[in-house]
Amino acid sequence: MSTKQILKLDNVVKKFPVGDGRYFTALKGINLEIDKGEFAGLVGPSGSGKTTLLNIIGSLDSPTEGKAIVMGQNISELTHKESAKLRNIHIGFIFQVYNLLPVYTVFENVEFALILQNVSASERKKRVMEALEWVGLQDLADKKPDKISGGEGQRVAIARAIVKKPDIMLADEPTANLDAKNAHQIMRIMKKLNEELDTTFLFSTHDEKVMKYLERIITLKDGSIAEDKQVTPQKTLK
């Protein structure tokens, strides 16, 4: 793996047992390379394998066959502890369900990722407020999740993921529960973070609003890559 290449999938196959010794093949020999700083998306209909592939890249699952090399590490060879360390340090996750902890404030929800890294209290405060400023929520630091809007909740989820300054950000249908205005705001924030921090973004989506921001579109169909192309984004930060 080159220093520029951040992940490489080599003939990745993923099978799930469905009973009676039978298997459903969700991924069929995926070959894919992603370089540092890319702003790319896995697109395709439901059931095409997008989320399964994202879970393998994020070390939440491992291939049945083939190799998934992420940050120079073979996902299949990692222990549970090593996988957790990879996610904790190098990978940020953004999901369509924000998964904010309701009993904690916005600040505390974002801070949690740094507590897991044993970051000092003073450094945590600095980095959490910086992350909230990136997403324009510094004034809501003391609010609980039930006191903020859906769009603000997703921005908190982005701050929680980016506060670690991960190498890879995996976003699974991040705009699915948002209206058009909030969706575009979220995408502009993520593109800005991509440019300022050189964080690699990989989306799983079938949302046209997301696709307009992407610089590379990897189309999945029935568990295989049907098309992989560089594109000119239709949306800018302006």
C-alpha atoms as a PDB file:
ATOM      1  CA  MET A   1       0.000   0.000   0.000  1.00  0.00           C
ATOM      2  CA  SER A   2       1.419   3.380  -0.995  1.00  0.00           C
ATOM      3  CA  THR A   3       1.517   6.300   1.453  1.00  0.00           C
ATOM      4  CA  LYS A   4      -1.192   7.995  -0.614  1.00  0.00           C
ATOM      5  CA  GLN A   5      -3.427   4.919  -0.723  1.00  0.00           C
ATOM      6  CA  ILE A   6      -5.587   4.698   2.381  1.00  0.00           C
ATOM      7  CA  LEU A   7      -7.508   1.504   1.659  1.00  0.00           C
ATOM      8  CA  LYS A   8      -7.409  -1.371  -0.780  1.00  0.00           C
ATOM      9  CA  LEU A   9      -9.954  -4.128  -1.321  1.00  0.00           C
ATOM     10  CA  ASP A  10      -8.707  -7.206  -3.166  1.00  0.00           C
ATOM     11  CA  ASN A  11     -11.408  -9.575  -4.474  1.00  0.00           C
ATOM     12  CA  VAL A  12     -13.580  -9.049  -1.386  1.00  0.00           C
ATOM     13  CA  VAL A  13     -16.478 -11.480  -1.050  1.00  0.00           C
ATOM     14  CA  LYS A  14     -19.047 -11.375   1.748  1.00  0.00           C
ATOM     15  CA  LYS A  15     -21.522 -14.207   2.350  1.00  0.00           C
ATOM     16  CA  PHE A  16     -24.271 -14.395   4.967  1.00  0.00           C
ATOM     17  CA  PRO A  17     -25.823 -17.701   6.067  1.00  0.00           C
ATOM     18  CA  VAL A  18     -29.563 -17.948   5.372  1.00  0.00           C
ATOM     19  CA  GLY A  19     -30.154 -21.420   6.818  1.00  0.00           C
ATOM     20  CA  ASP A  20     -30.038 -25.029   5.601  1.00  0.00           C
ATOM     21  CA  GLY A  21     -26.383 -24.593   4.664  1.00  0.00           C
ATOM     22  CA  ARG A  22     -27.249 -21.920   2.106  1.00  0.00           C
ATOM     23  CA  TYR A  23     -25.625 -18.473   1.821  1.00  0.00           C
ATOM     24  CA  PHE A  24     -26.540 -15.081   0.413  1.00  0.00           C
ATOM     25  CA  THR A  25     -23.594 -13.441  -1.354  1.00  0.00           C
ATOM     26  CA  ALA A  26     -23.785  -9.708  -0.616  1.00  0.00           C
ATOM     27  CA  LEU A  27     -20.417  -8.792  -2.165  1.00  0.00           C
ATOM     28  CA  LYS A  28     -19.012 -10.558  -5.205  1.00  0.00           C
ATOM     29  CA  GLY A  29     -15.292 -10.002  -5.715  1.00  0.00           C
ATOM     30  CA  ILE A  30     -14.924  -6.281  -4.976  1.00  0.00           C
ATOM     31  CA  ASN A  31     -11.653  -4.636  -6.061  1.00  0.00           C
ATOM     32  CA  LEU A  32     -11.282  -1.036  -4.940  1.00  0.00           C
ATOM     33  CA  GLU A  33      -8.577   1.469  -4.023  1.00  0.00           C
ATOM     34  CA  ILE A  34      -9.150   4.787  -2.254  1.00  0.00           C
ATOM     35  CA  ASP A  35      -6.477   7.455  -1.794  1.00  0.00           C
ATOM     36  CA  LYS A  36      -6.100   9.953   1.036  1.00  0.00           C
ATOM     37  CA  GLY A  37      -8.284  13.040   0.673  1.00  0.00           C
ATOM     38  CA  GLU A  38     -10.832  11.570  -1.738  1.00  0.00           C
ATOM     39  CA  PHE A  39     -14.511  12.601  -1.554  1.00  0.00           C
ATOM     40  CA  ALA A  40     -16.173   9.501  -2.951  1.00  0.00           C
ATOM     41  CA  GLY A  41     -19.479   7.696  -2.781  1.00  0.00           C
ATOM     42  CA  LEU A  42     -20.807   4.158  -3.035  1.00  0.00           C
ATOM     43  CA  VAL A  43     -24.102   4.527  -4.858  1.00  0.00           C
ATOM     44  CA  GLY A  44     -26.779   2.087  -5.881  1.00  0.00           C
ATOM     45  CA  PRO A  45     -30.210   0.819  -4.853  1.00  0.00           C
ATOM     46  CA  SER A  46     -31.013  -0.813  -1.526  1.00  0.00           C
ATOM     47  CA  GLY A  47     -29.549  -4.316  -1.402  1.00  0.00           C
ATOM     48  CA  SER A  48     -26.673  -3.527  -3.749  1.00  0.00           C
ATOM     49  CA  GLY A  49     -24.052  -4.056  -1.028  1.00  0.00           C
ATOM     50  CA  LYS A  50     -23.219  -0.450  -0.073  1.00  0.00           C
ATOM     51  CA  THR A  51     -23.631  -0.753   3.693  1.00  0.00           C
ATOM     52  CA  THR A  52     -22.001  -4.196   3.809  1.00  0.00           C
ATOM     53  CA  LEU A  53     -18.952  -2.789   2.048  1.00  0.00           C
ATOM     54  CA  LEU A  54     -18.853   0.246   4.333  1.00  0.00           C
ATOM     55  CA  ASN A  55     -19.000  -2.029   7.400  1.00  0.00           C
ATOM     56  CA  ILE A  56     -16.000  -4.025   6.173  1.00  0.00           C
ATOM     57  CA  ILE A  57     -13.979  -0.876   5.460  1.00  0.00           C
ATOM     58  CA  GLY A  58     -14.875   0.376   8.939  1.00  0.00           C
ATOM     59  CA  SER A  59     -13.725  -2.939  10.524  1.00  0.00           C
ATOM     60  CA  LEU A  60     -17.228  -3.594  11.858  1.00  0.00           C
ATOM     61  CA  ASP A  61     -17.208  -6.793   9.786  1.00  0.00           C
ATOM     62  CA  SER A  62     -14.672  -8.808   7.829  1.00  0.00           C
ATOM     63  CA  PRO A  63     -14.681 -10.402   4.367  1.00  0.00           C
ATOM     64  CA  THR A  64     -15.620 -14.033   3.828  1.00  0.00           C
ATOM     65  CA  GLU A  65     -12.973 -14.140   1.106  1.00  0.00           C
ATOM     66  CA  GLY A  66     -10.367 -11.706  -0.179  1.00  0.00           C
ATOM     67  CA  LYS A  67      -8.470  -8.940   1.594  1.00  0.00           C
ATOM     68  CA  ALA A  68      -9.523  -5.566   2.968  1.00  0.00           C
ATOM     69  CA  ILE A  69      -6.449  -3.474   3.802  1.00  0.00           C
ATOM     70  CA  VAL A  70      -7.302  -0.291   5.725  1.00  0.00           C
ATOM     71  CA  MET A  71      -4.554   2.049   6.961  1.00  0.00           C
ATOM     72  CA  GLY A  72      -2.094  -0.721   6.145  1.00  0.00           C
ATOM     73  CA  GLN A  73      -3.914  -3.304   8.282  1.00  0.00           C
ATOM     74  CA  ASN A  74      -5.631  -6.465   7.064  1.00  0.00           C
ATOM     75  CA  ILE A  75      -9.132  -6.348   8.565  1.00  0.00           C
ATOM     76  CA  SER A  76      -9.426 -10.150   8.645  1.00  0.00           C
ATOM     77  CA  GLU A  77      -6.304 -10.503  10.778  1.00  0.00           C
ATOM     78  CA  LEU A  78      -7.259  -7.992  13.482  1.00  0.00           C
ATOM     79  CA  THR A  79      -8.411  -9.012  16.946  1.00  0.00           C
ATOM     80  CA  HIS A  80     -11.522  -7.337  18.394  1.00  0.00           C
ATOM     81  CA  LYS A  81      -9.245  -5.055  20.400  1.00  0.00           C
ATOM     82  CA  GLU A  82      -7.166  -4.139  17.355  1.00  0.00           C
ATOM     83  CA  SER A  83     -10.309  -3.456  15.291  1.00  0.00           C
ATOM     84  CA  ALA A  84     -11.629  -1.186  18.041  1.00  0.00           C
ATOM     85  CA  LYS A  85      -8.320   0.687  18.116  1.00  0.00           C
ATOM     86  CA  LEU A  86      -8.391   1.157  14.339  1.00  0.00           C
ATOM     87  CA  ARG A  87     -11.907   2.620  14.551  1.00  0.00           C
ATOM     88  CA  ASN A  88     -11.137   4.716  17.606  1.00  0.00           C
ATOM     89  CA  ILE A  89      -8.092   6.405  16.102  1.00  0.00           C
ATOM     90  CA  HIS A  90      -8.400   6.345  12.322  1.00  0.00           C
ATOM     91  CA  ILE A  91     -12.095   6.056  11.370  1.00  0.00           C
ATOM     92  CA  GLY A  92     -15.080   8.314  11.945  1.00  0.00           C
ATOM     93  CA  PHE A  93     -18.669   7.175  11.379  1.00  0.00           C
ATOM     94  CA  ILE A  94     -21.756   9.177  10.439  1.00  0.00           C
ATOM     95  CA  PHE A  95     -25.068   7.318  10.148  1.00  0.00           C
ATOM     96  CA  GLN A  96     -28.579   8.369   9.107  1.00  0.00           C
ATOM     97  CA  VAL A  97     -29.623   7.679  12.716  1.00  0.00           C
ATOM     98  CA  TYR A  98     -27.587  10.101  14.806  1.00  0.00           C
ATOM     99  CA  ASN A  99     -27.283   7.799  17.871  1.00  0.00           C
ATOM    100  CA  LEU A 100     -26.779  10.720  20.252  1.00  0.00           C
ATOM    101  CA  LEU A 101     -26.871   9.833  23.946  1.00  0.00           C
ATOM    102  CA  PRO A 102     -30.032  11.577  25.236  1.00  0.00           C
ATOM    103  CA  VAL A 103     -28.881  12.080  28.830  1.00  0.00           C
ATOM    104  CA  TYR A 104     -25.747  13.961  27.770  1.00  0.00           C
ATOM    105  CA  THR A 105     -25.323  17.457  26.375  1.00  0.00           C
ATOM    106  CA  VAL A 106     -24.142  18.228  22.848  1.00  0.00           C
ATOM    107  CA  PHE A 107     -20.664  18.921  24.290  1.00  0.00           C
ATOM    108  CA  GLU A 108     -20.602  15.612  26.182  1.00  0.00           C
ATOM    109  CA  ASN A 109     -21.770  13.634  23.136  1.00  0.00           C
ATOM    110  CA  VAL A 110     -18.874  15.013  21.083  1.00  0.00           C
ATOM    111  CA  GLU A 111     -16.411  14.652  23.966  1.00  0.00           C
ATOM    112  CA  PHE A 112     -17.080  10.933  24.372  1.00  0.00           C
ATOM    113  CA  ALA A 113     -14.803   9.925  21.477  1.00  0.00           C
ATOM    114  CA  LEU A 114     -11.871  11.737  23.086  1.00  0.00           C
ATOM    115  CA  ILE A 115     -12.514  10.188  26.501  1.00  0.00           C
ATOM    116  CA  LEU A 116     -12.026   6.789  24.837  1.00  0.00           C
ATOM    117  CA  GLN A 117      -8.633   8.035  23.635  1.00  0.00           C
ATOM    118  CA  ASN A 118      -7.637   9.175  27.155  1.00  0.00           C
ATOM    119  CA  VAL A 119      -7.225  12.781  26.015  1.00  0.00           C
ATOM    120  CA  SER A 120      -6.750  15.251  28.898  1.00  0.00           C
ATOM    121  CA  ALA A 121      -9.732  17.324  30.064  1.00  0.00           C
ATOM    122  CA  SER A 122      -8.218  20.628  28.933  1.00  0.00           C
ATOM    123  CA  GLU A 123      -7.381  19.254  25.485  1.00  0.00           C
ATOM    124  CA  ARG A 124     -10.841  17.687  25.205  1.00  0.00           C
ATOM    125  CA  LYS A 125     -12.528  21.023  25.872  1.00  0.00           C
ATOM    126  CA  LYS A 126     -10.410  22.752  23.240  1.00  0.00           C
ATOM    127  CA  ARG A 127     -10.999  20.112  20.582  1.00  0.00           C
ATOM    128  CA  VAL A 128     -14.729  19.674  21.266  1.00  0.00           C
ATOM    129  CA  MET A 129     -15.378  23.405  20.975  1.00  0.00           C
ATOM    130  CA  GLU A 130     -13.288  23.495  17.808  1.00  0.00           C
ATOM    131  CA  ALA A 131     -15.347  20.643  16.338  1.00  0.00           C
ATOM    132  CA  LEU A 132     -18.622  22.335  17.300  1.00  0.00           C
ATOM    133  CA  GLU A 133     -17.394  25.551  15.708  1.00  0.00           C
ATOM    134  CA  TRP A 134     -16.646  23.650  12.475  1.00  0.00           C
ATOM    135  CA  VAL A 135     -20.316  22.634  12.290  1.00  0.00           C
ATOM    136  CA  GLY A 136     -21.669  25.939  13.619  1.00  0.00           C
ATOM    137  CA  LEU A 137     -23.051  24.612  16.902  1.00  0.00           C
ATOM    138  CA  GLN A 138     -20.776  26.160  19.519  1.00  0.00           C
ATOM    139  CA  ASP A 139     -23.753  28.036  20.990  1.00  0.00           C
ATOM    140  CA  LEU A 140     -25.641  24.755  21.597  1.00  0.00           C
ATOM    141  CA  ALA A 141     -22.911  22.993  23.576  1.00  0.00           C
ATOM    142  CA  ASP A 142     -25.017  22.810  26.745  1.00  0.00           C
ATOM    143  CA  LYS A 143     -28.240  21.648  25.061  1.00  0.00           C
ATOM    144  CA  LYS A 144     -29.561  18.087  25.291  1.00  0.00           C
ATOM    145  CA  PRO A 145     -30.364  16.228  22.035  1.00  0.00           C
ATOM    146  CA  ASP A 146     -34.123  16.547  22.543  1.00  0.00           C
ATOM    147  CA  LYS A 147     -33.771  20.344  22.475  1.00  0.00           C
ATOM    148  CA  ILE A 148     -32.192  20.571  19.030  1.00  0.00           C
ATOM    149  CA  SER A 149     -33.493  20.002  15.499  1.00  0.00           C
ATOM    150  CA  GLY A 150     -32.835  17.018  13.238  1.00  0.00           C
ATOM    151  CA  GLY A 151     -30.379  18.975  11.123  1.00  0.00           C
ATOM    152  CA  GLU A 152     -28.543  20.123  14.247  1.00  0.00           C
ATOM    153  CA  GLY A 153     -28.490  16.530  15.520  1.00  0.00           C
ATOM    154  CA  GLN A 154     -26.750  15.376  12.369  1.00  0.00           C
ATOM    155  CA  ARG A 155     -24.235  18.202  12.707  1.00  0.00           C
ATOM    156  CA  VAL A 156     -23.508  17.032  16.273  1.00  0.00           C
ATOM    157  CA  ALA A 157     -22.915  13.543  14.853  1.00  0.00           C
ATOM    158  CA  ILE A 158     -20.440  15.027  12.360  1.00  0.00           C
ATOM    159  CA  ALA A 159     -18.654  16.934  15.147  1.00  0.00           C
ATOM    160  CA  ARG A 160     -18.484  13.724  17.209  1.00  0.00           C
ATOM    161  CA  ALA A 161     -16.898  11.891  14.284  1.00  0.00           C
ATOM    162  CA  ILE A 162     -14.504  14.650  13.199  1.00  0.00           C
ATOM    163  CA  VAL A 163     -13.291  15.631  16.696  1.00  0.00           C
ATOM    164  CA  LYS A 164     -10.804  12.743  16.483  1.00  0.00           C
ATOM    165  CA  LYS A 165      -9.517  14.141  13.169  1.00  0.00           C
ATOM    166  CA  PRO A 166      -9.762  10.652  11.643  1.00  0.00           C
ATOM    167  CA  ASP A 167      -8.055   9.633   8.422  1.00  0.00           C
ATOM    168  CA  ILE A 168     -11.279   8.145   7.010  1.00  0.00           C
ATOM    169  CA  MET A 169     -14.858   9.314   7.452  1.00  0.00           C
ATOM    170  CA  LEU A 170     -17.542   6.751   6.566  1.00  0.00           C
ATOM    171  CA  ALA A 171     -21.029   8.211   6.056  1.00  0.00           C
ATOM    172  CA  ASP A 172     -23.952   5.804   5.616  1.00  0.00           C
ATOM    173  CA  GLU A 173     -26.962   7.658   4.126  1.00  0.00           C
ATOM    174  CA  PRO A 174     -26.135  10.756   6.226  1.00  0.00           C
ATOM    175  CA  THR A 175     -28.871  12.935   4.680  1.00  0.00           C
ATOM    176  CA  ALA A 176     -31.681  10.364   4.591  1.00  0.00           C
ATOM    177  CA  ASN A 177     -33.666  11.988   7.418  1.00  0.00           C
ATOM    178  CA  LEU A 178     -33.033  15.602   6.406  1.00  0.00           C
ATOM    179  CA  ASP A 179     -34.877  18.085   4.220  1.00  0.00           C
ATOM    180  CA  ALA A 180     -33.123  19.585   1.192  1.00  0.00           C
ATOM    181  CA  LYS A 181     -31.873  22.709   2.997  1.00  0.00           C
ATOM    182  CA  ASN A 182     -30.311  20.770   5.875  1.00  0.00           C
ATOM    183  CA  ALA A 183     -28.945  18.104   3.515  1.00  0.00           C
ATOM    184  CA  HIS A 184     -27.051  20.695   1.488  1.00  0.00           C
ATOM    185  CA  GLN A 185     -25.765  22.357   4.653  1.00  0.00           C
ATOM    186  CA  ILE A 186     -24.463  18.998   5.922  1.00  0.00           C
ATOM    187  CA  MET A 187     -22.747  18.253   2.615  1.00  0.00           C
ATOM    188  CA  ARG A 188     -21.098  21.678   2.491  1.00  0.00           C
ATOM    189  CA  ILE A 189     -19.761  21.146   6.022  1.00  0.00           C
ATOM    190  CA  MET A 190     -18.337  17.736   5.121  1.00  0.00           C
ATOM    191  CA  LYS A 191     -16.744  19.023   1.915  1.00  0.00           C
ATOM    192  CA  LYS A 192     -15.144  21.872   3.867  1.00  0.00           C
ATOM    193  CA  LEU A 193     -13.736  19.403   6.408  1.00  0.00           C
ATOM    194  CA  ASN A 194     -12.472  17.232   3.555  1.00  0.00           C
ATOM    195  CA  GLU A 195     -10.583  20.180   2.101  1.00  0.00           C
ATOM    196  CA  GLU A 196      -9.285  21.662   5.360  1.00  0.00           C
ATOM    197  CA  LEU A 197      -8.274  18.440   7.134  1.00  0.00           C
ATOM    198  CA  ASP A 198      -7.541  16.247   4.070  1.00  0.00           C
ATOM    199  CA  THR A 199      -9.878  13.638   5.568  1.00  0.00           C
ATOM    200  CA  THR A 200     -11.004  10.909   3.180  1.00  0.00           C
ATOM    201  CA  PHE A 201     -14.803  10.760   2.901  1.00  0.00           C
ATOM    202  CA  LEU A 202     -16.628   7.689   1.646  1.00  0.00           C
ATOM    203  CA  PHE A 203     -20.420   7.836   1.458  1.00  0.00           C
ATOM    204  CA  SER A 204     -23.035   5.156   1.045  1.00  0.00           C
ATOM    205  CA  THR A 205     -25.998   6.818  -0.626  1.00  0.00           C
ATOM    206  CA  HIS A 206     -28.702   6.852  -3.263  1.00  0.00           C
ATOM    207  CA  ASP A 207     -29.537  10.511  -2.537  1.00  0.00           C
ATOM    208  CA  GLU A 208     -29.126  12.746  -5.587  1.00  0.00           C
ATOM    209  CA  LYS A 209     -28.387  15.698  -3.268  1.00  0.00           C
ATOM    210  CA  VAL A 210     -25.301  13.896  -1.955  1.00  0.00           C
ATOM    211  CA  MET A 211     -24.144  12.750  -5.392  1.00  0.00           C
ATOM    212  CA  LYS A 212     -23.938  16.351  -6.626  1.00  0.00           C
ATOM    213  CA  TYR A 213     -21.033  16.977  -4.216  1.00  0.00           C
ATOM    214  CA  LEU A 214     -19.030  13.824  -4.937  1.00  0.00           C
ATOM    215  CA  GLU A 215     -15.777  13.752  -6.892  1.00  0.00           C
ATOM    216  CA  ARG A 216     -15.877  10.007  -7.492  1.00  0.00           C
ATOM    217  CA  ILE A 217     -18.898   7.760  -7.871  1.00  0.00           C
ATOM    218  CA  ILE A 218     -18.579   3.997  -7.388  1.00  0.00           C
ATOM    219  CA  THR A 219     -21.788   2.333  -8.540  1.00  0.00           C
ATOM    220  CA  LEU A 220     -22.712  -1.008  -6.981  1.00  0.00           C
ATOM    221  CA  LYS A 221     -25.206  -3.420  -8.489  1.00  0.00           C
ATOM    222  CA  ASP A 222     -26.057  -6.822  -7.004  1.00  0.00           C
ATOM    223  CA  GLY A 223     -22.868  -6.888  -4.931  1.00  0.00           C
ATOM    224  CA  SER A 224     -20.485  -5.942  -7.736  1.00  0.00           C
ATOM    225  CA  ILE A 225     -18.939  -2.684  -8.933  1.00  0.00           C
ATOM    226  CA  ALA A 226     -20.810  -1.767 -12.103  1.00  0.00           C
ATOM    227  CA  GLU A 227     -19.012   1.544 -12.670  1.00  0.00           C
ATOM    228  CA  ASP A 228     -16.240   3.581 -11.045  1.00  0.00           C
ATOM    229  CA  LYS A 229     -15.685   7.086 -12.376  1.00  0.00           C
ATOM    230  CA  GLN A 230     -14.249  10.467 -11.450  1.00  0.00           C
ATOM    231  CA  VAL A 231     -16.839  13.237 -11.729  1.00  0.00           C
ATOM    232  CA  THR A 232     -16.983  17.017 -11.508  1.00  0.00           C
ATOM    233  CA  PRO A 233     -19.039  18.086  -8.474  1.00  0.00           C
ATOM    234  CA  GLN A 234     -22.187  19.999  -9.383  1.00  0.00           C
ATOM    235  CA  LYS A 235     -22.221  21.762  -5.998  1.00  0.00           C
ATOM    236  CA  THR A 236     -19.553  24.021  -4.496  1.00  0.00           C
ATOM    237  CA  LEU A 237     -19.004  25.615  -1.117  1.00  0.00           C
ATOM    238  CA  LYS A 238     -20.291  28.954  -2.375  1.00  0.00           C
END
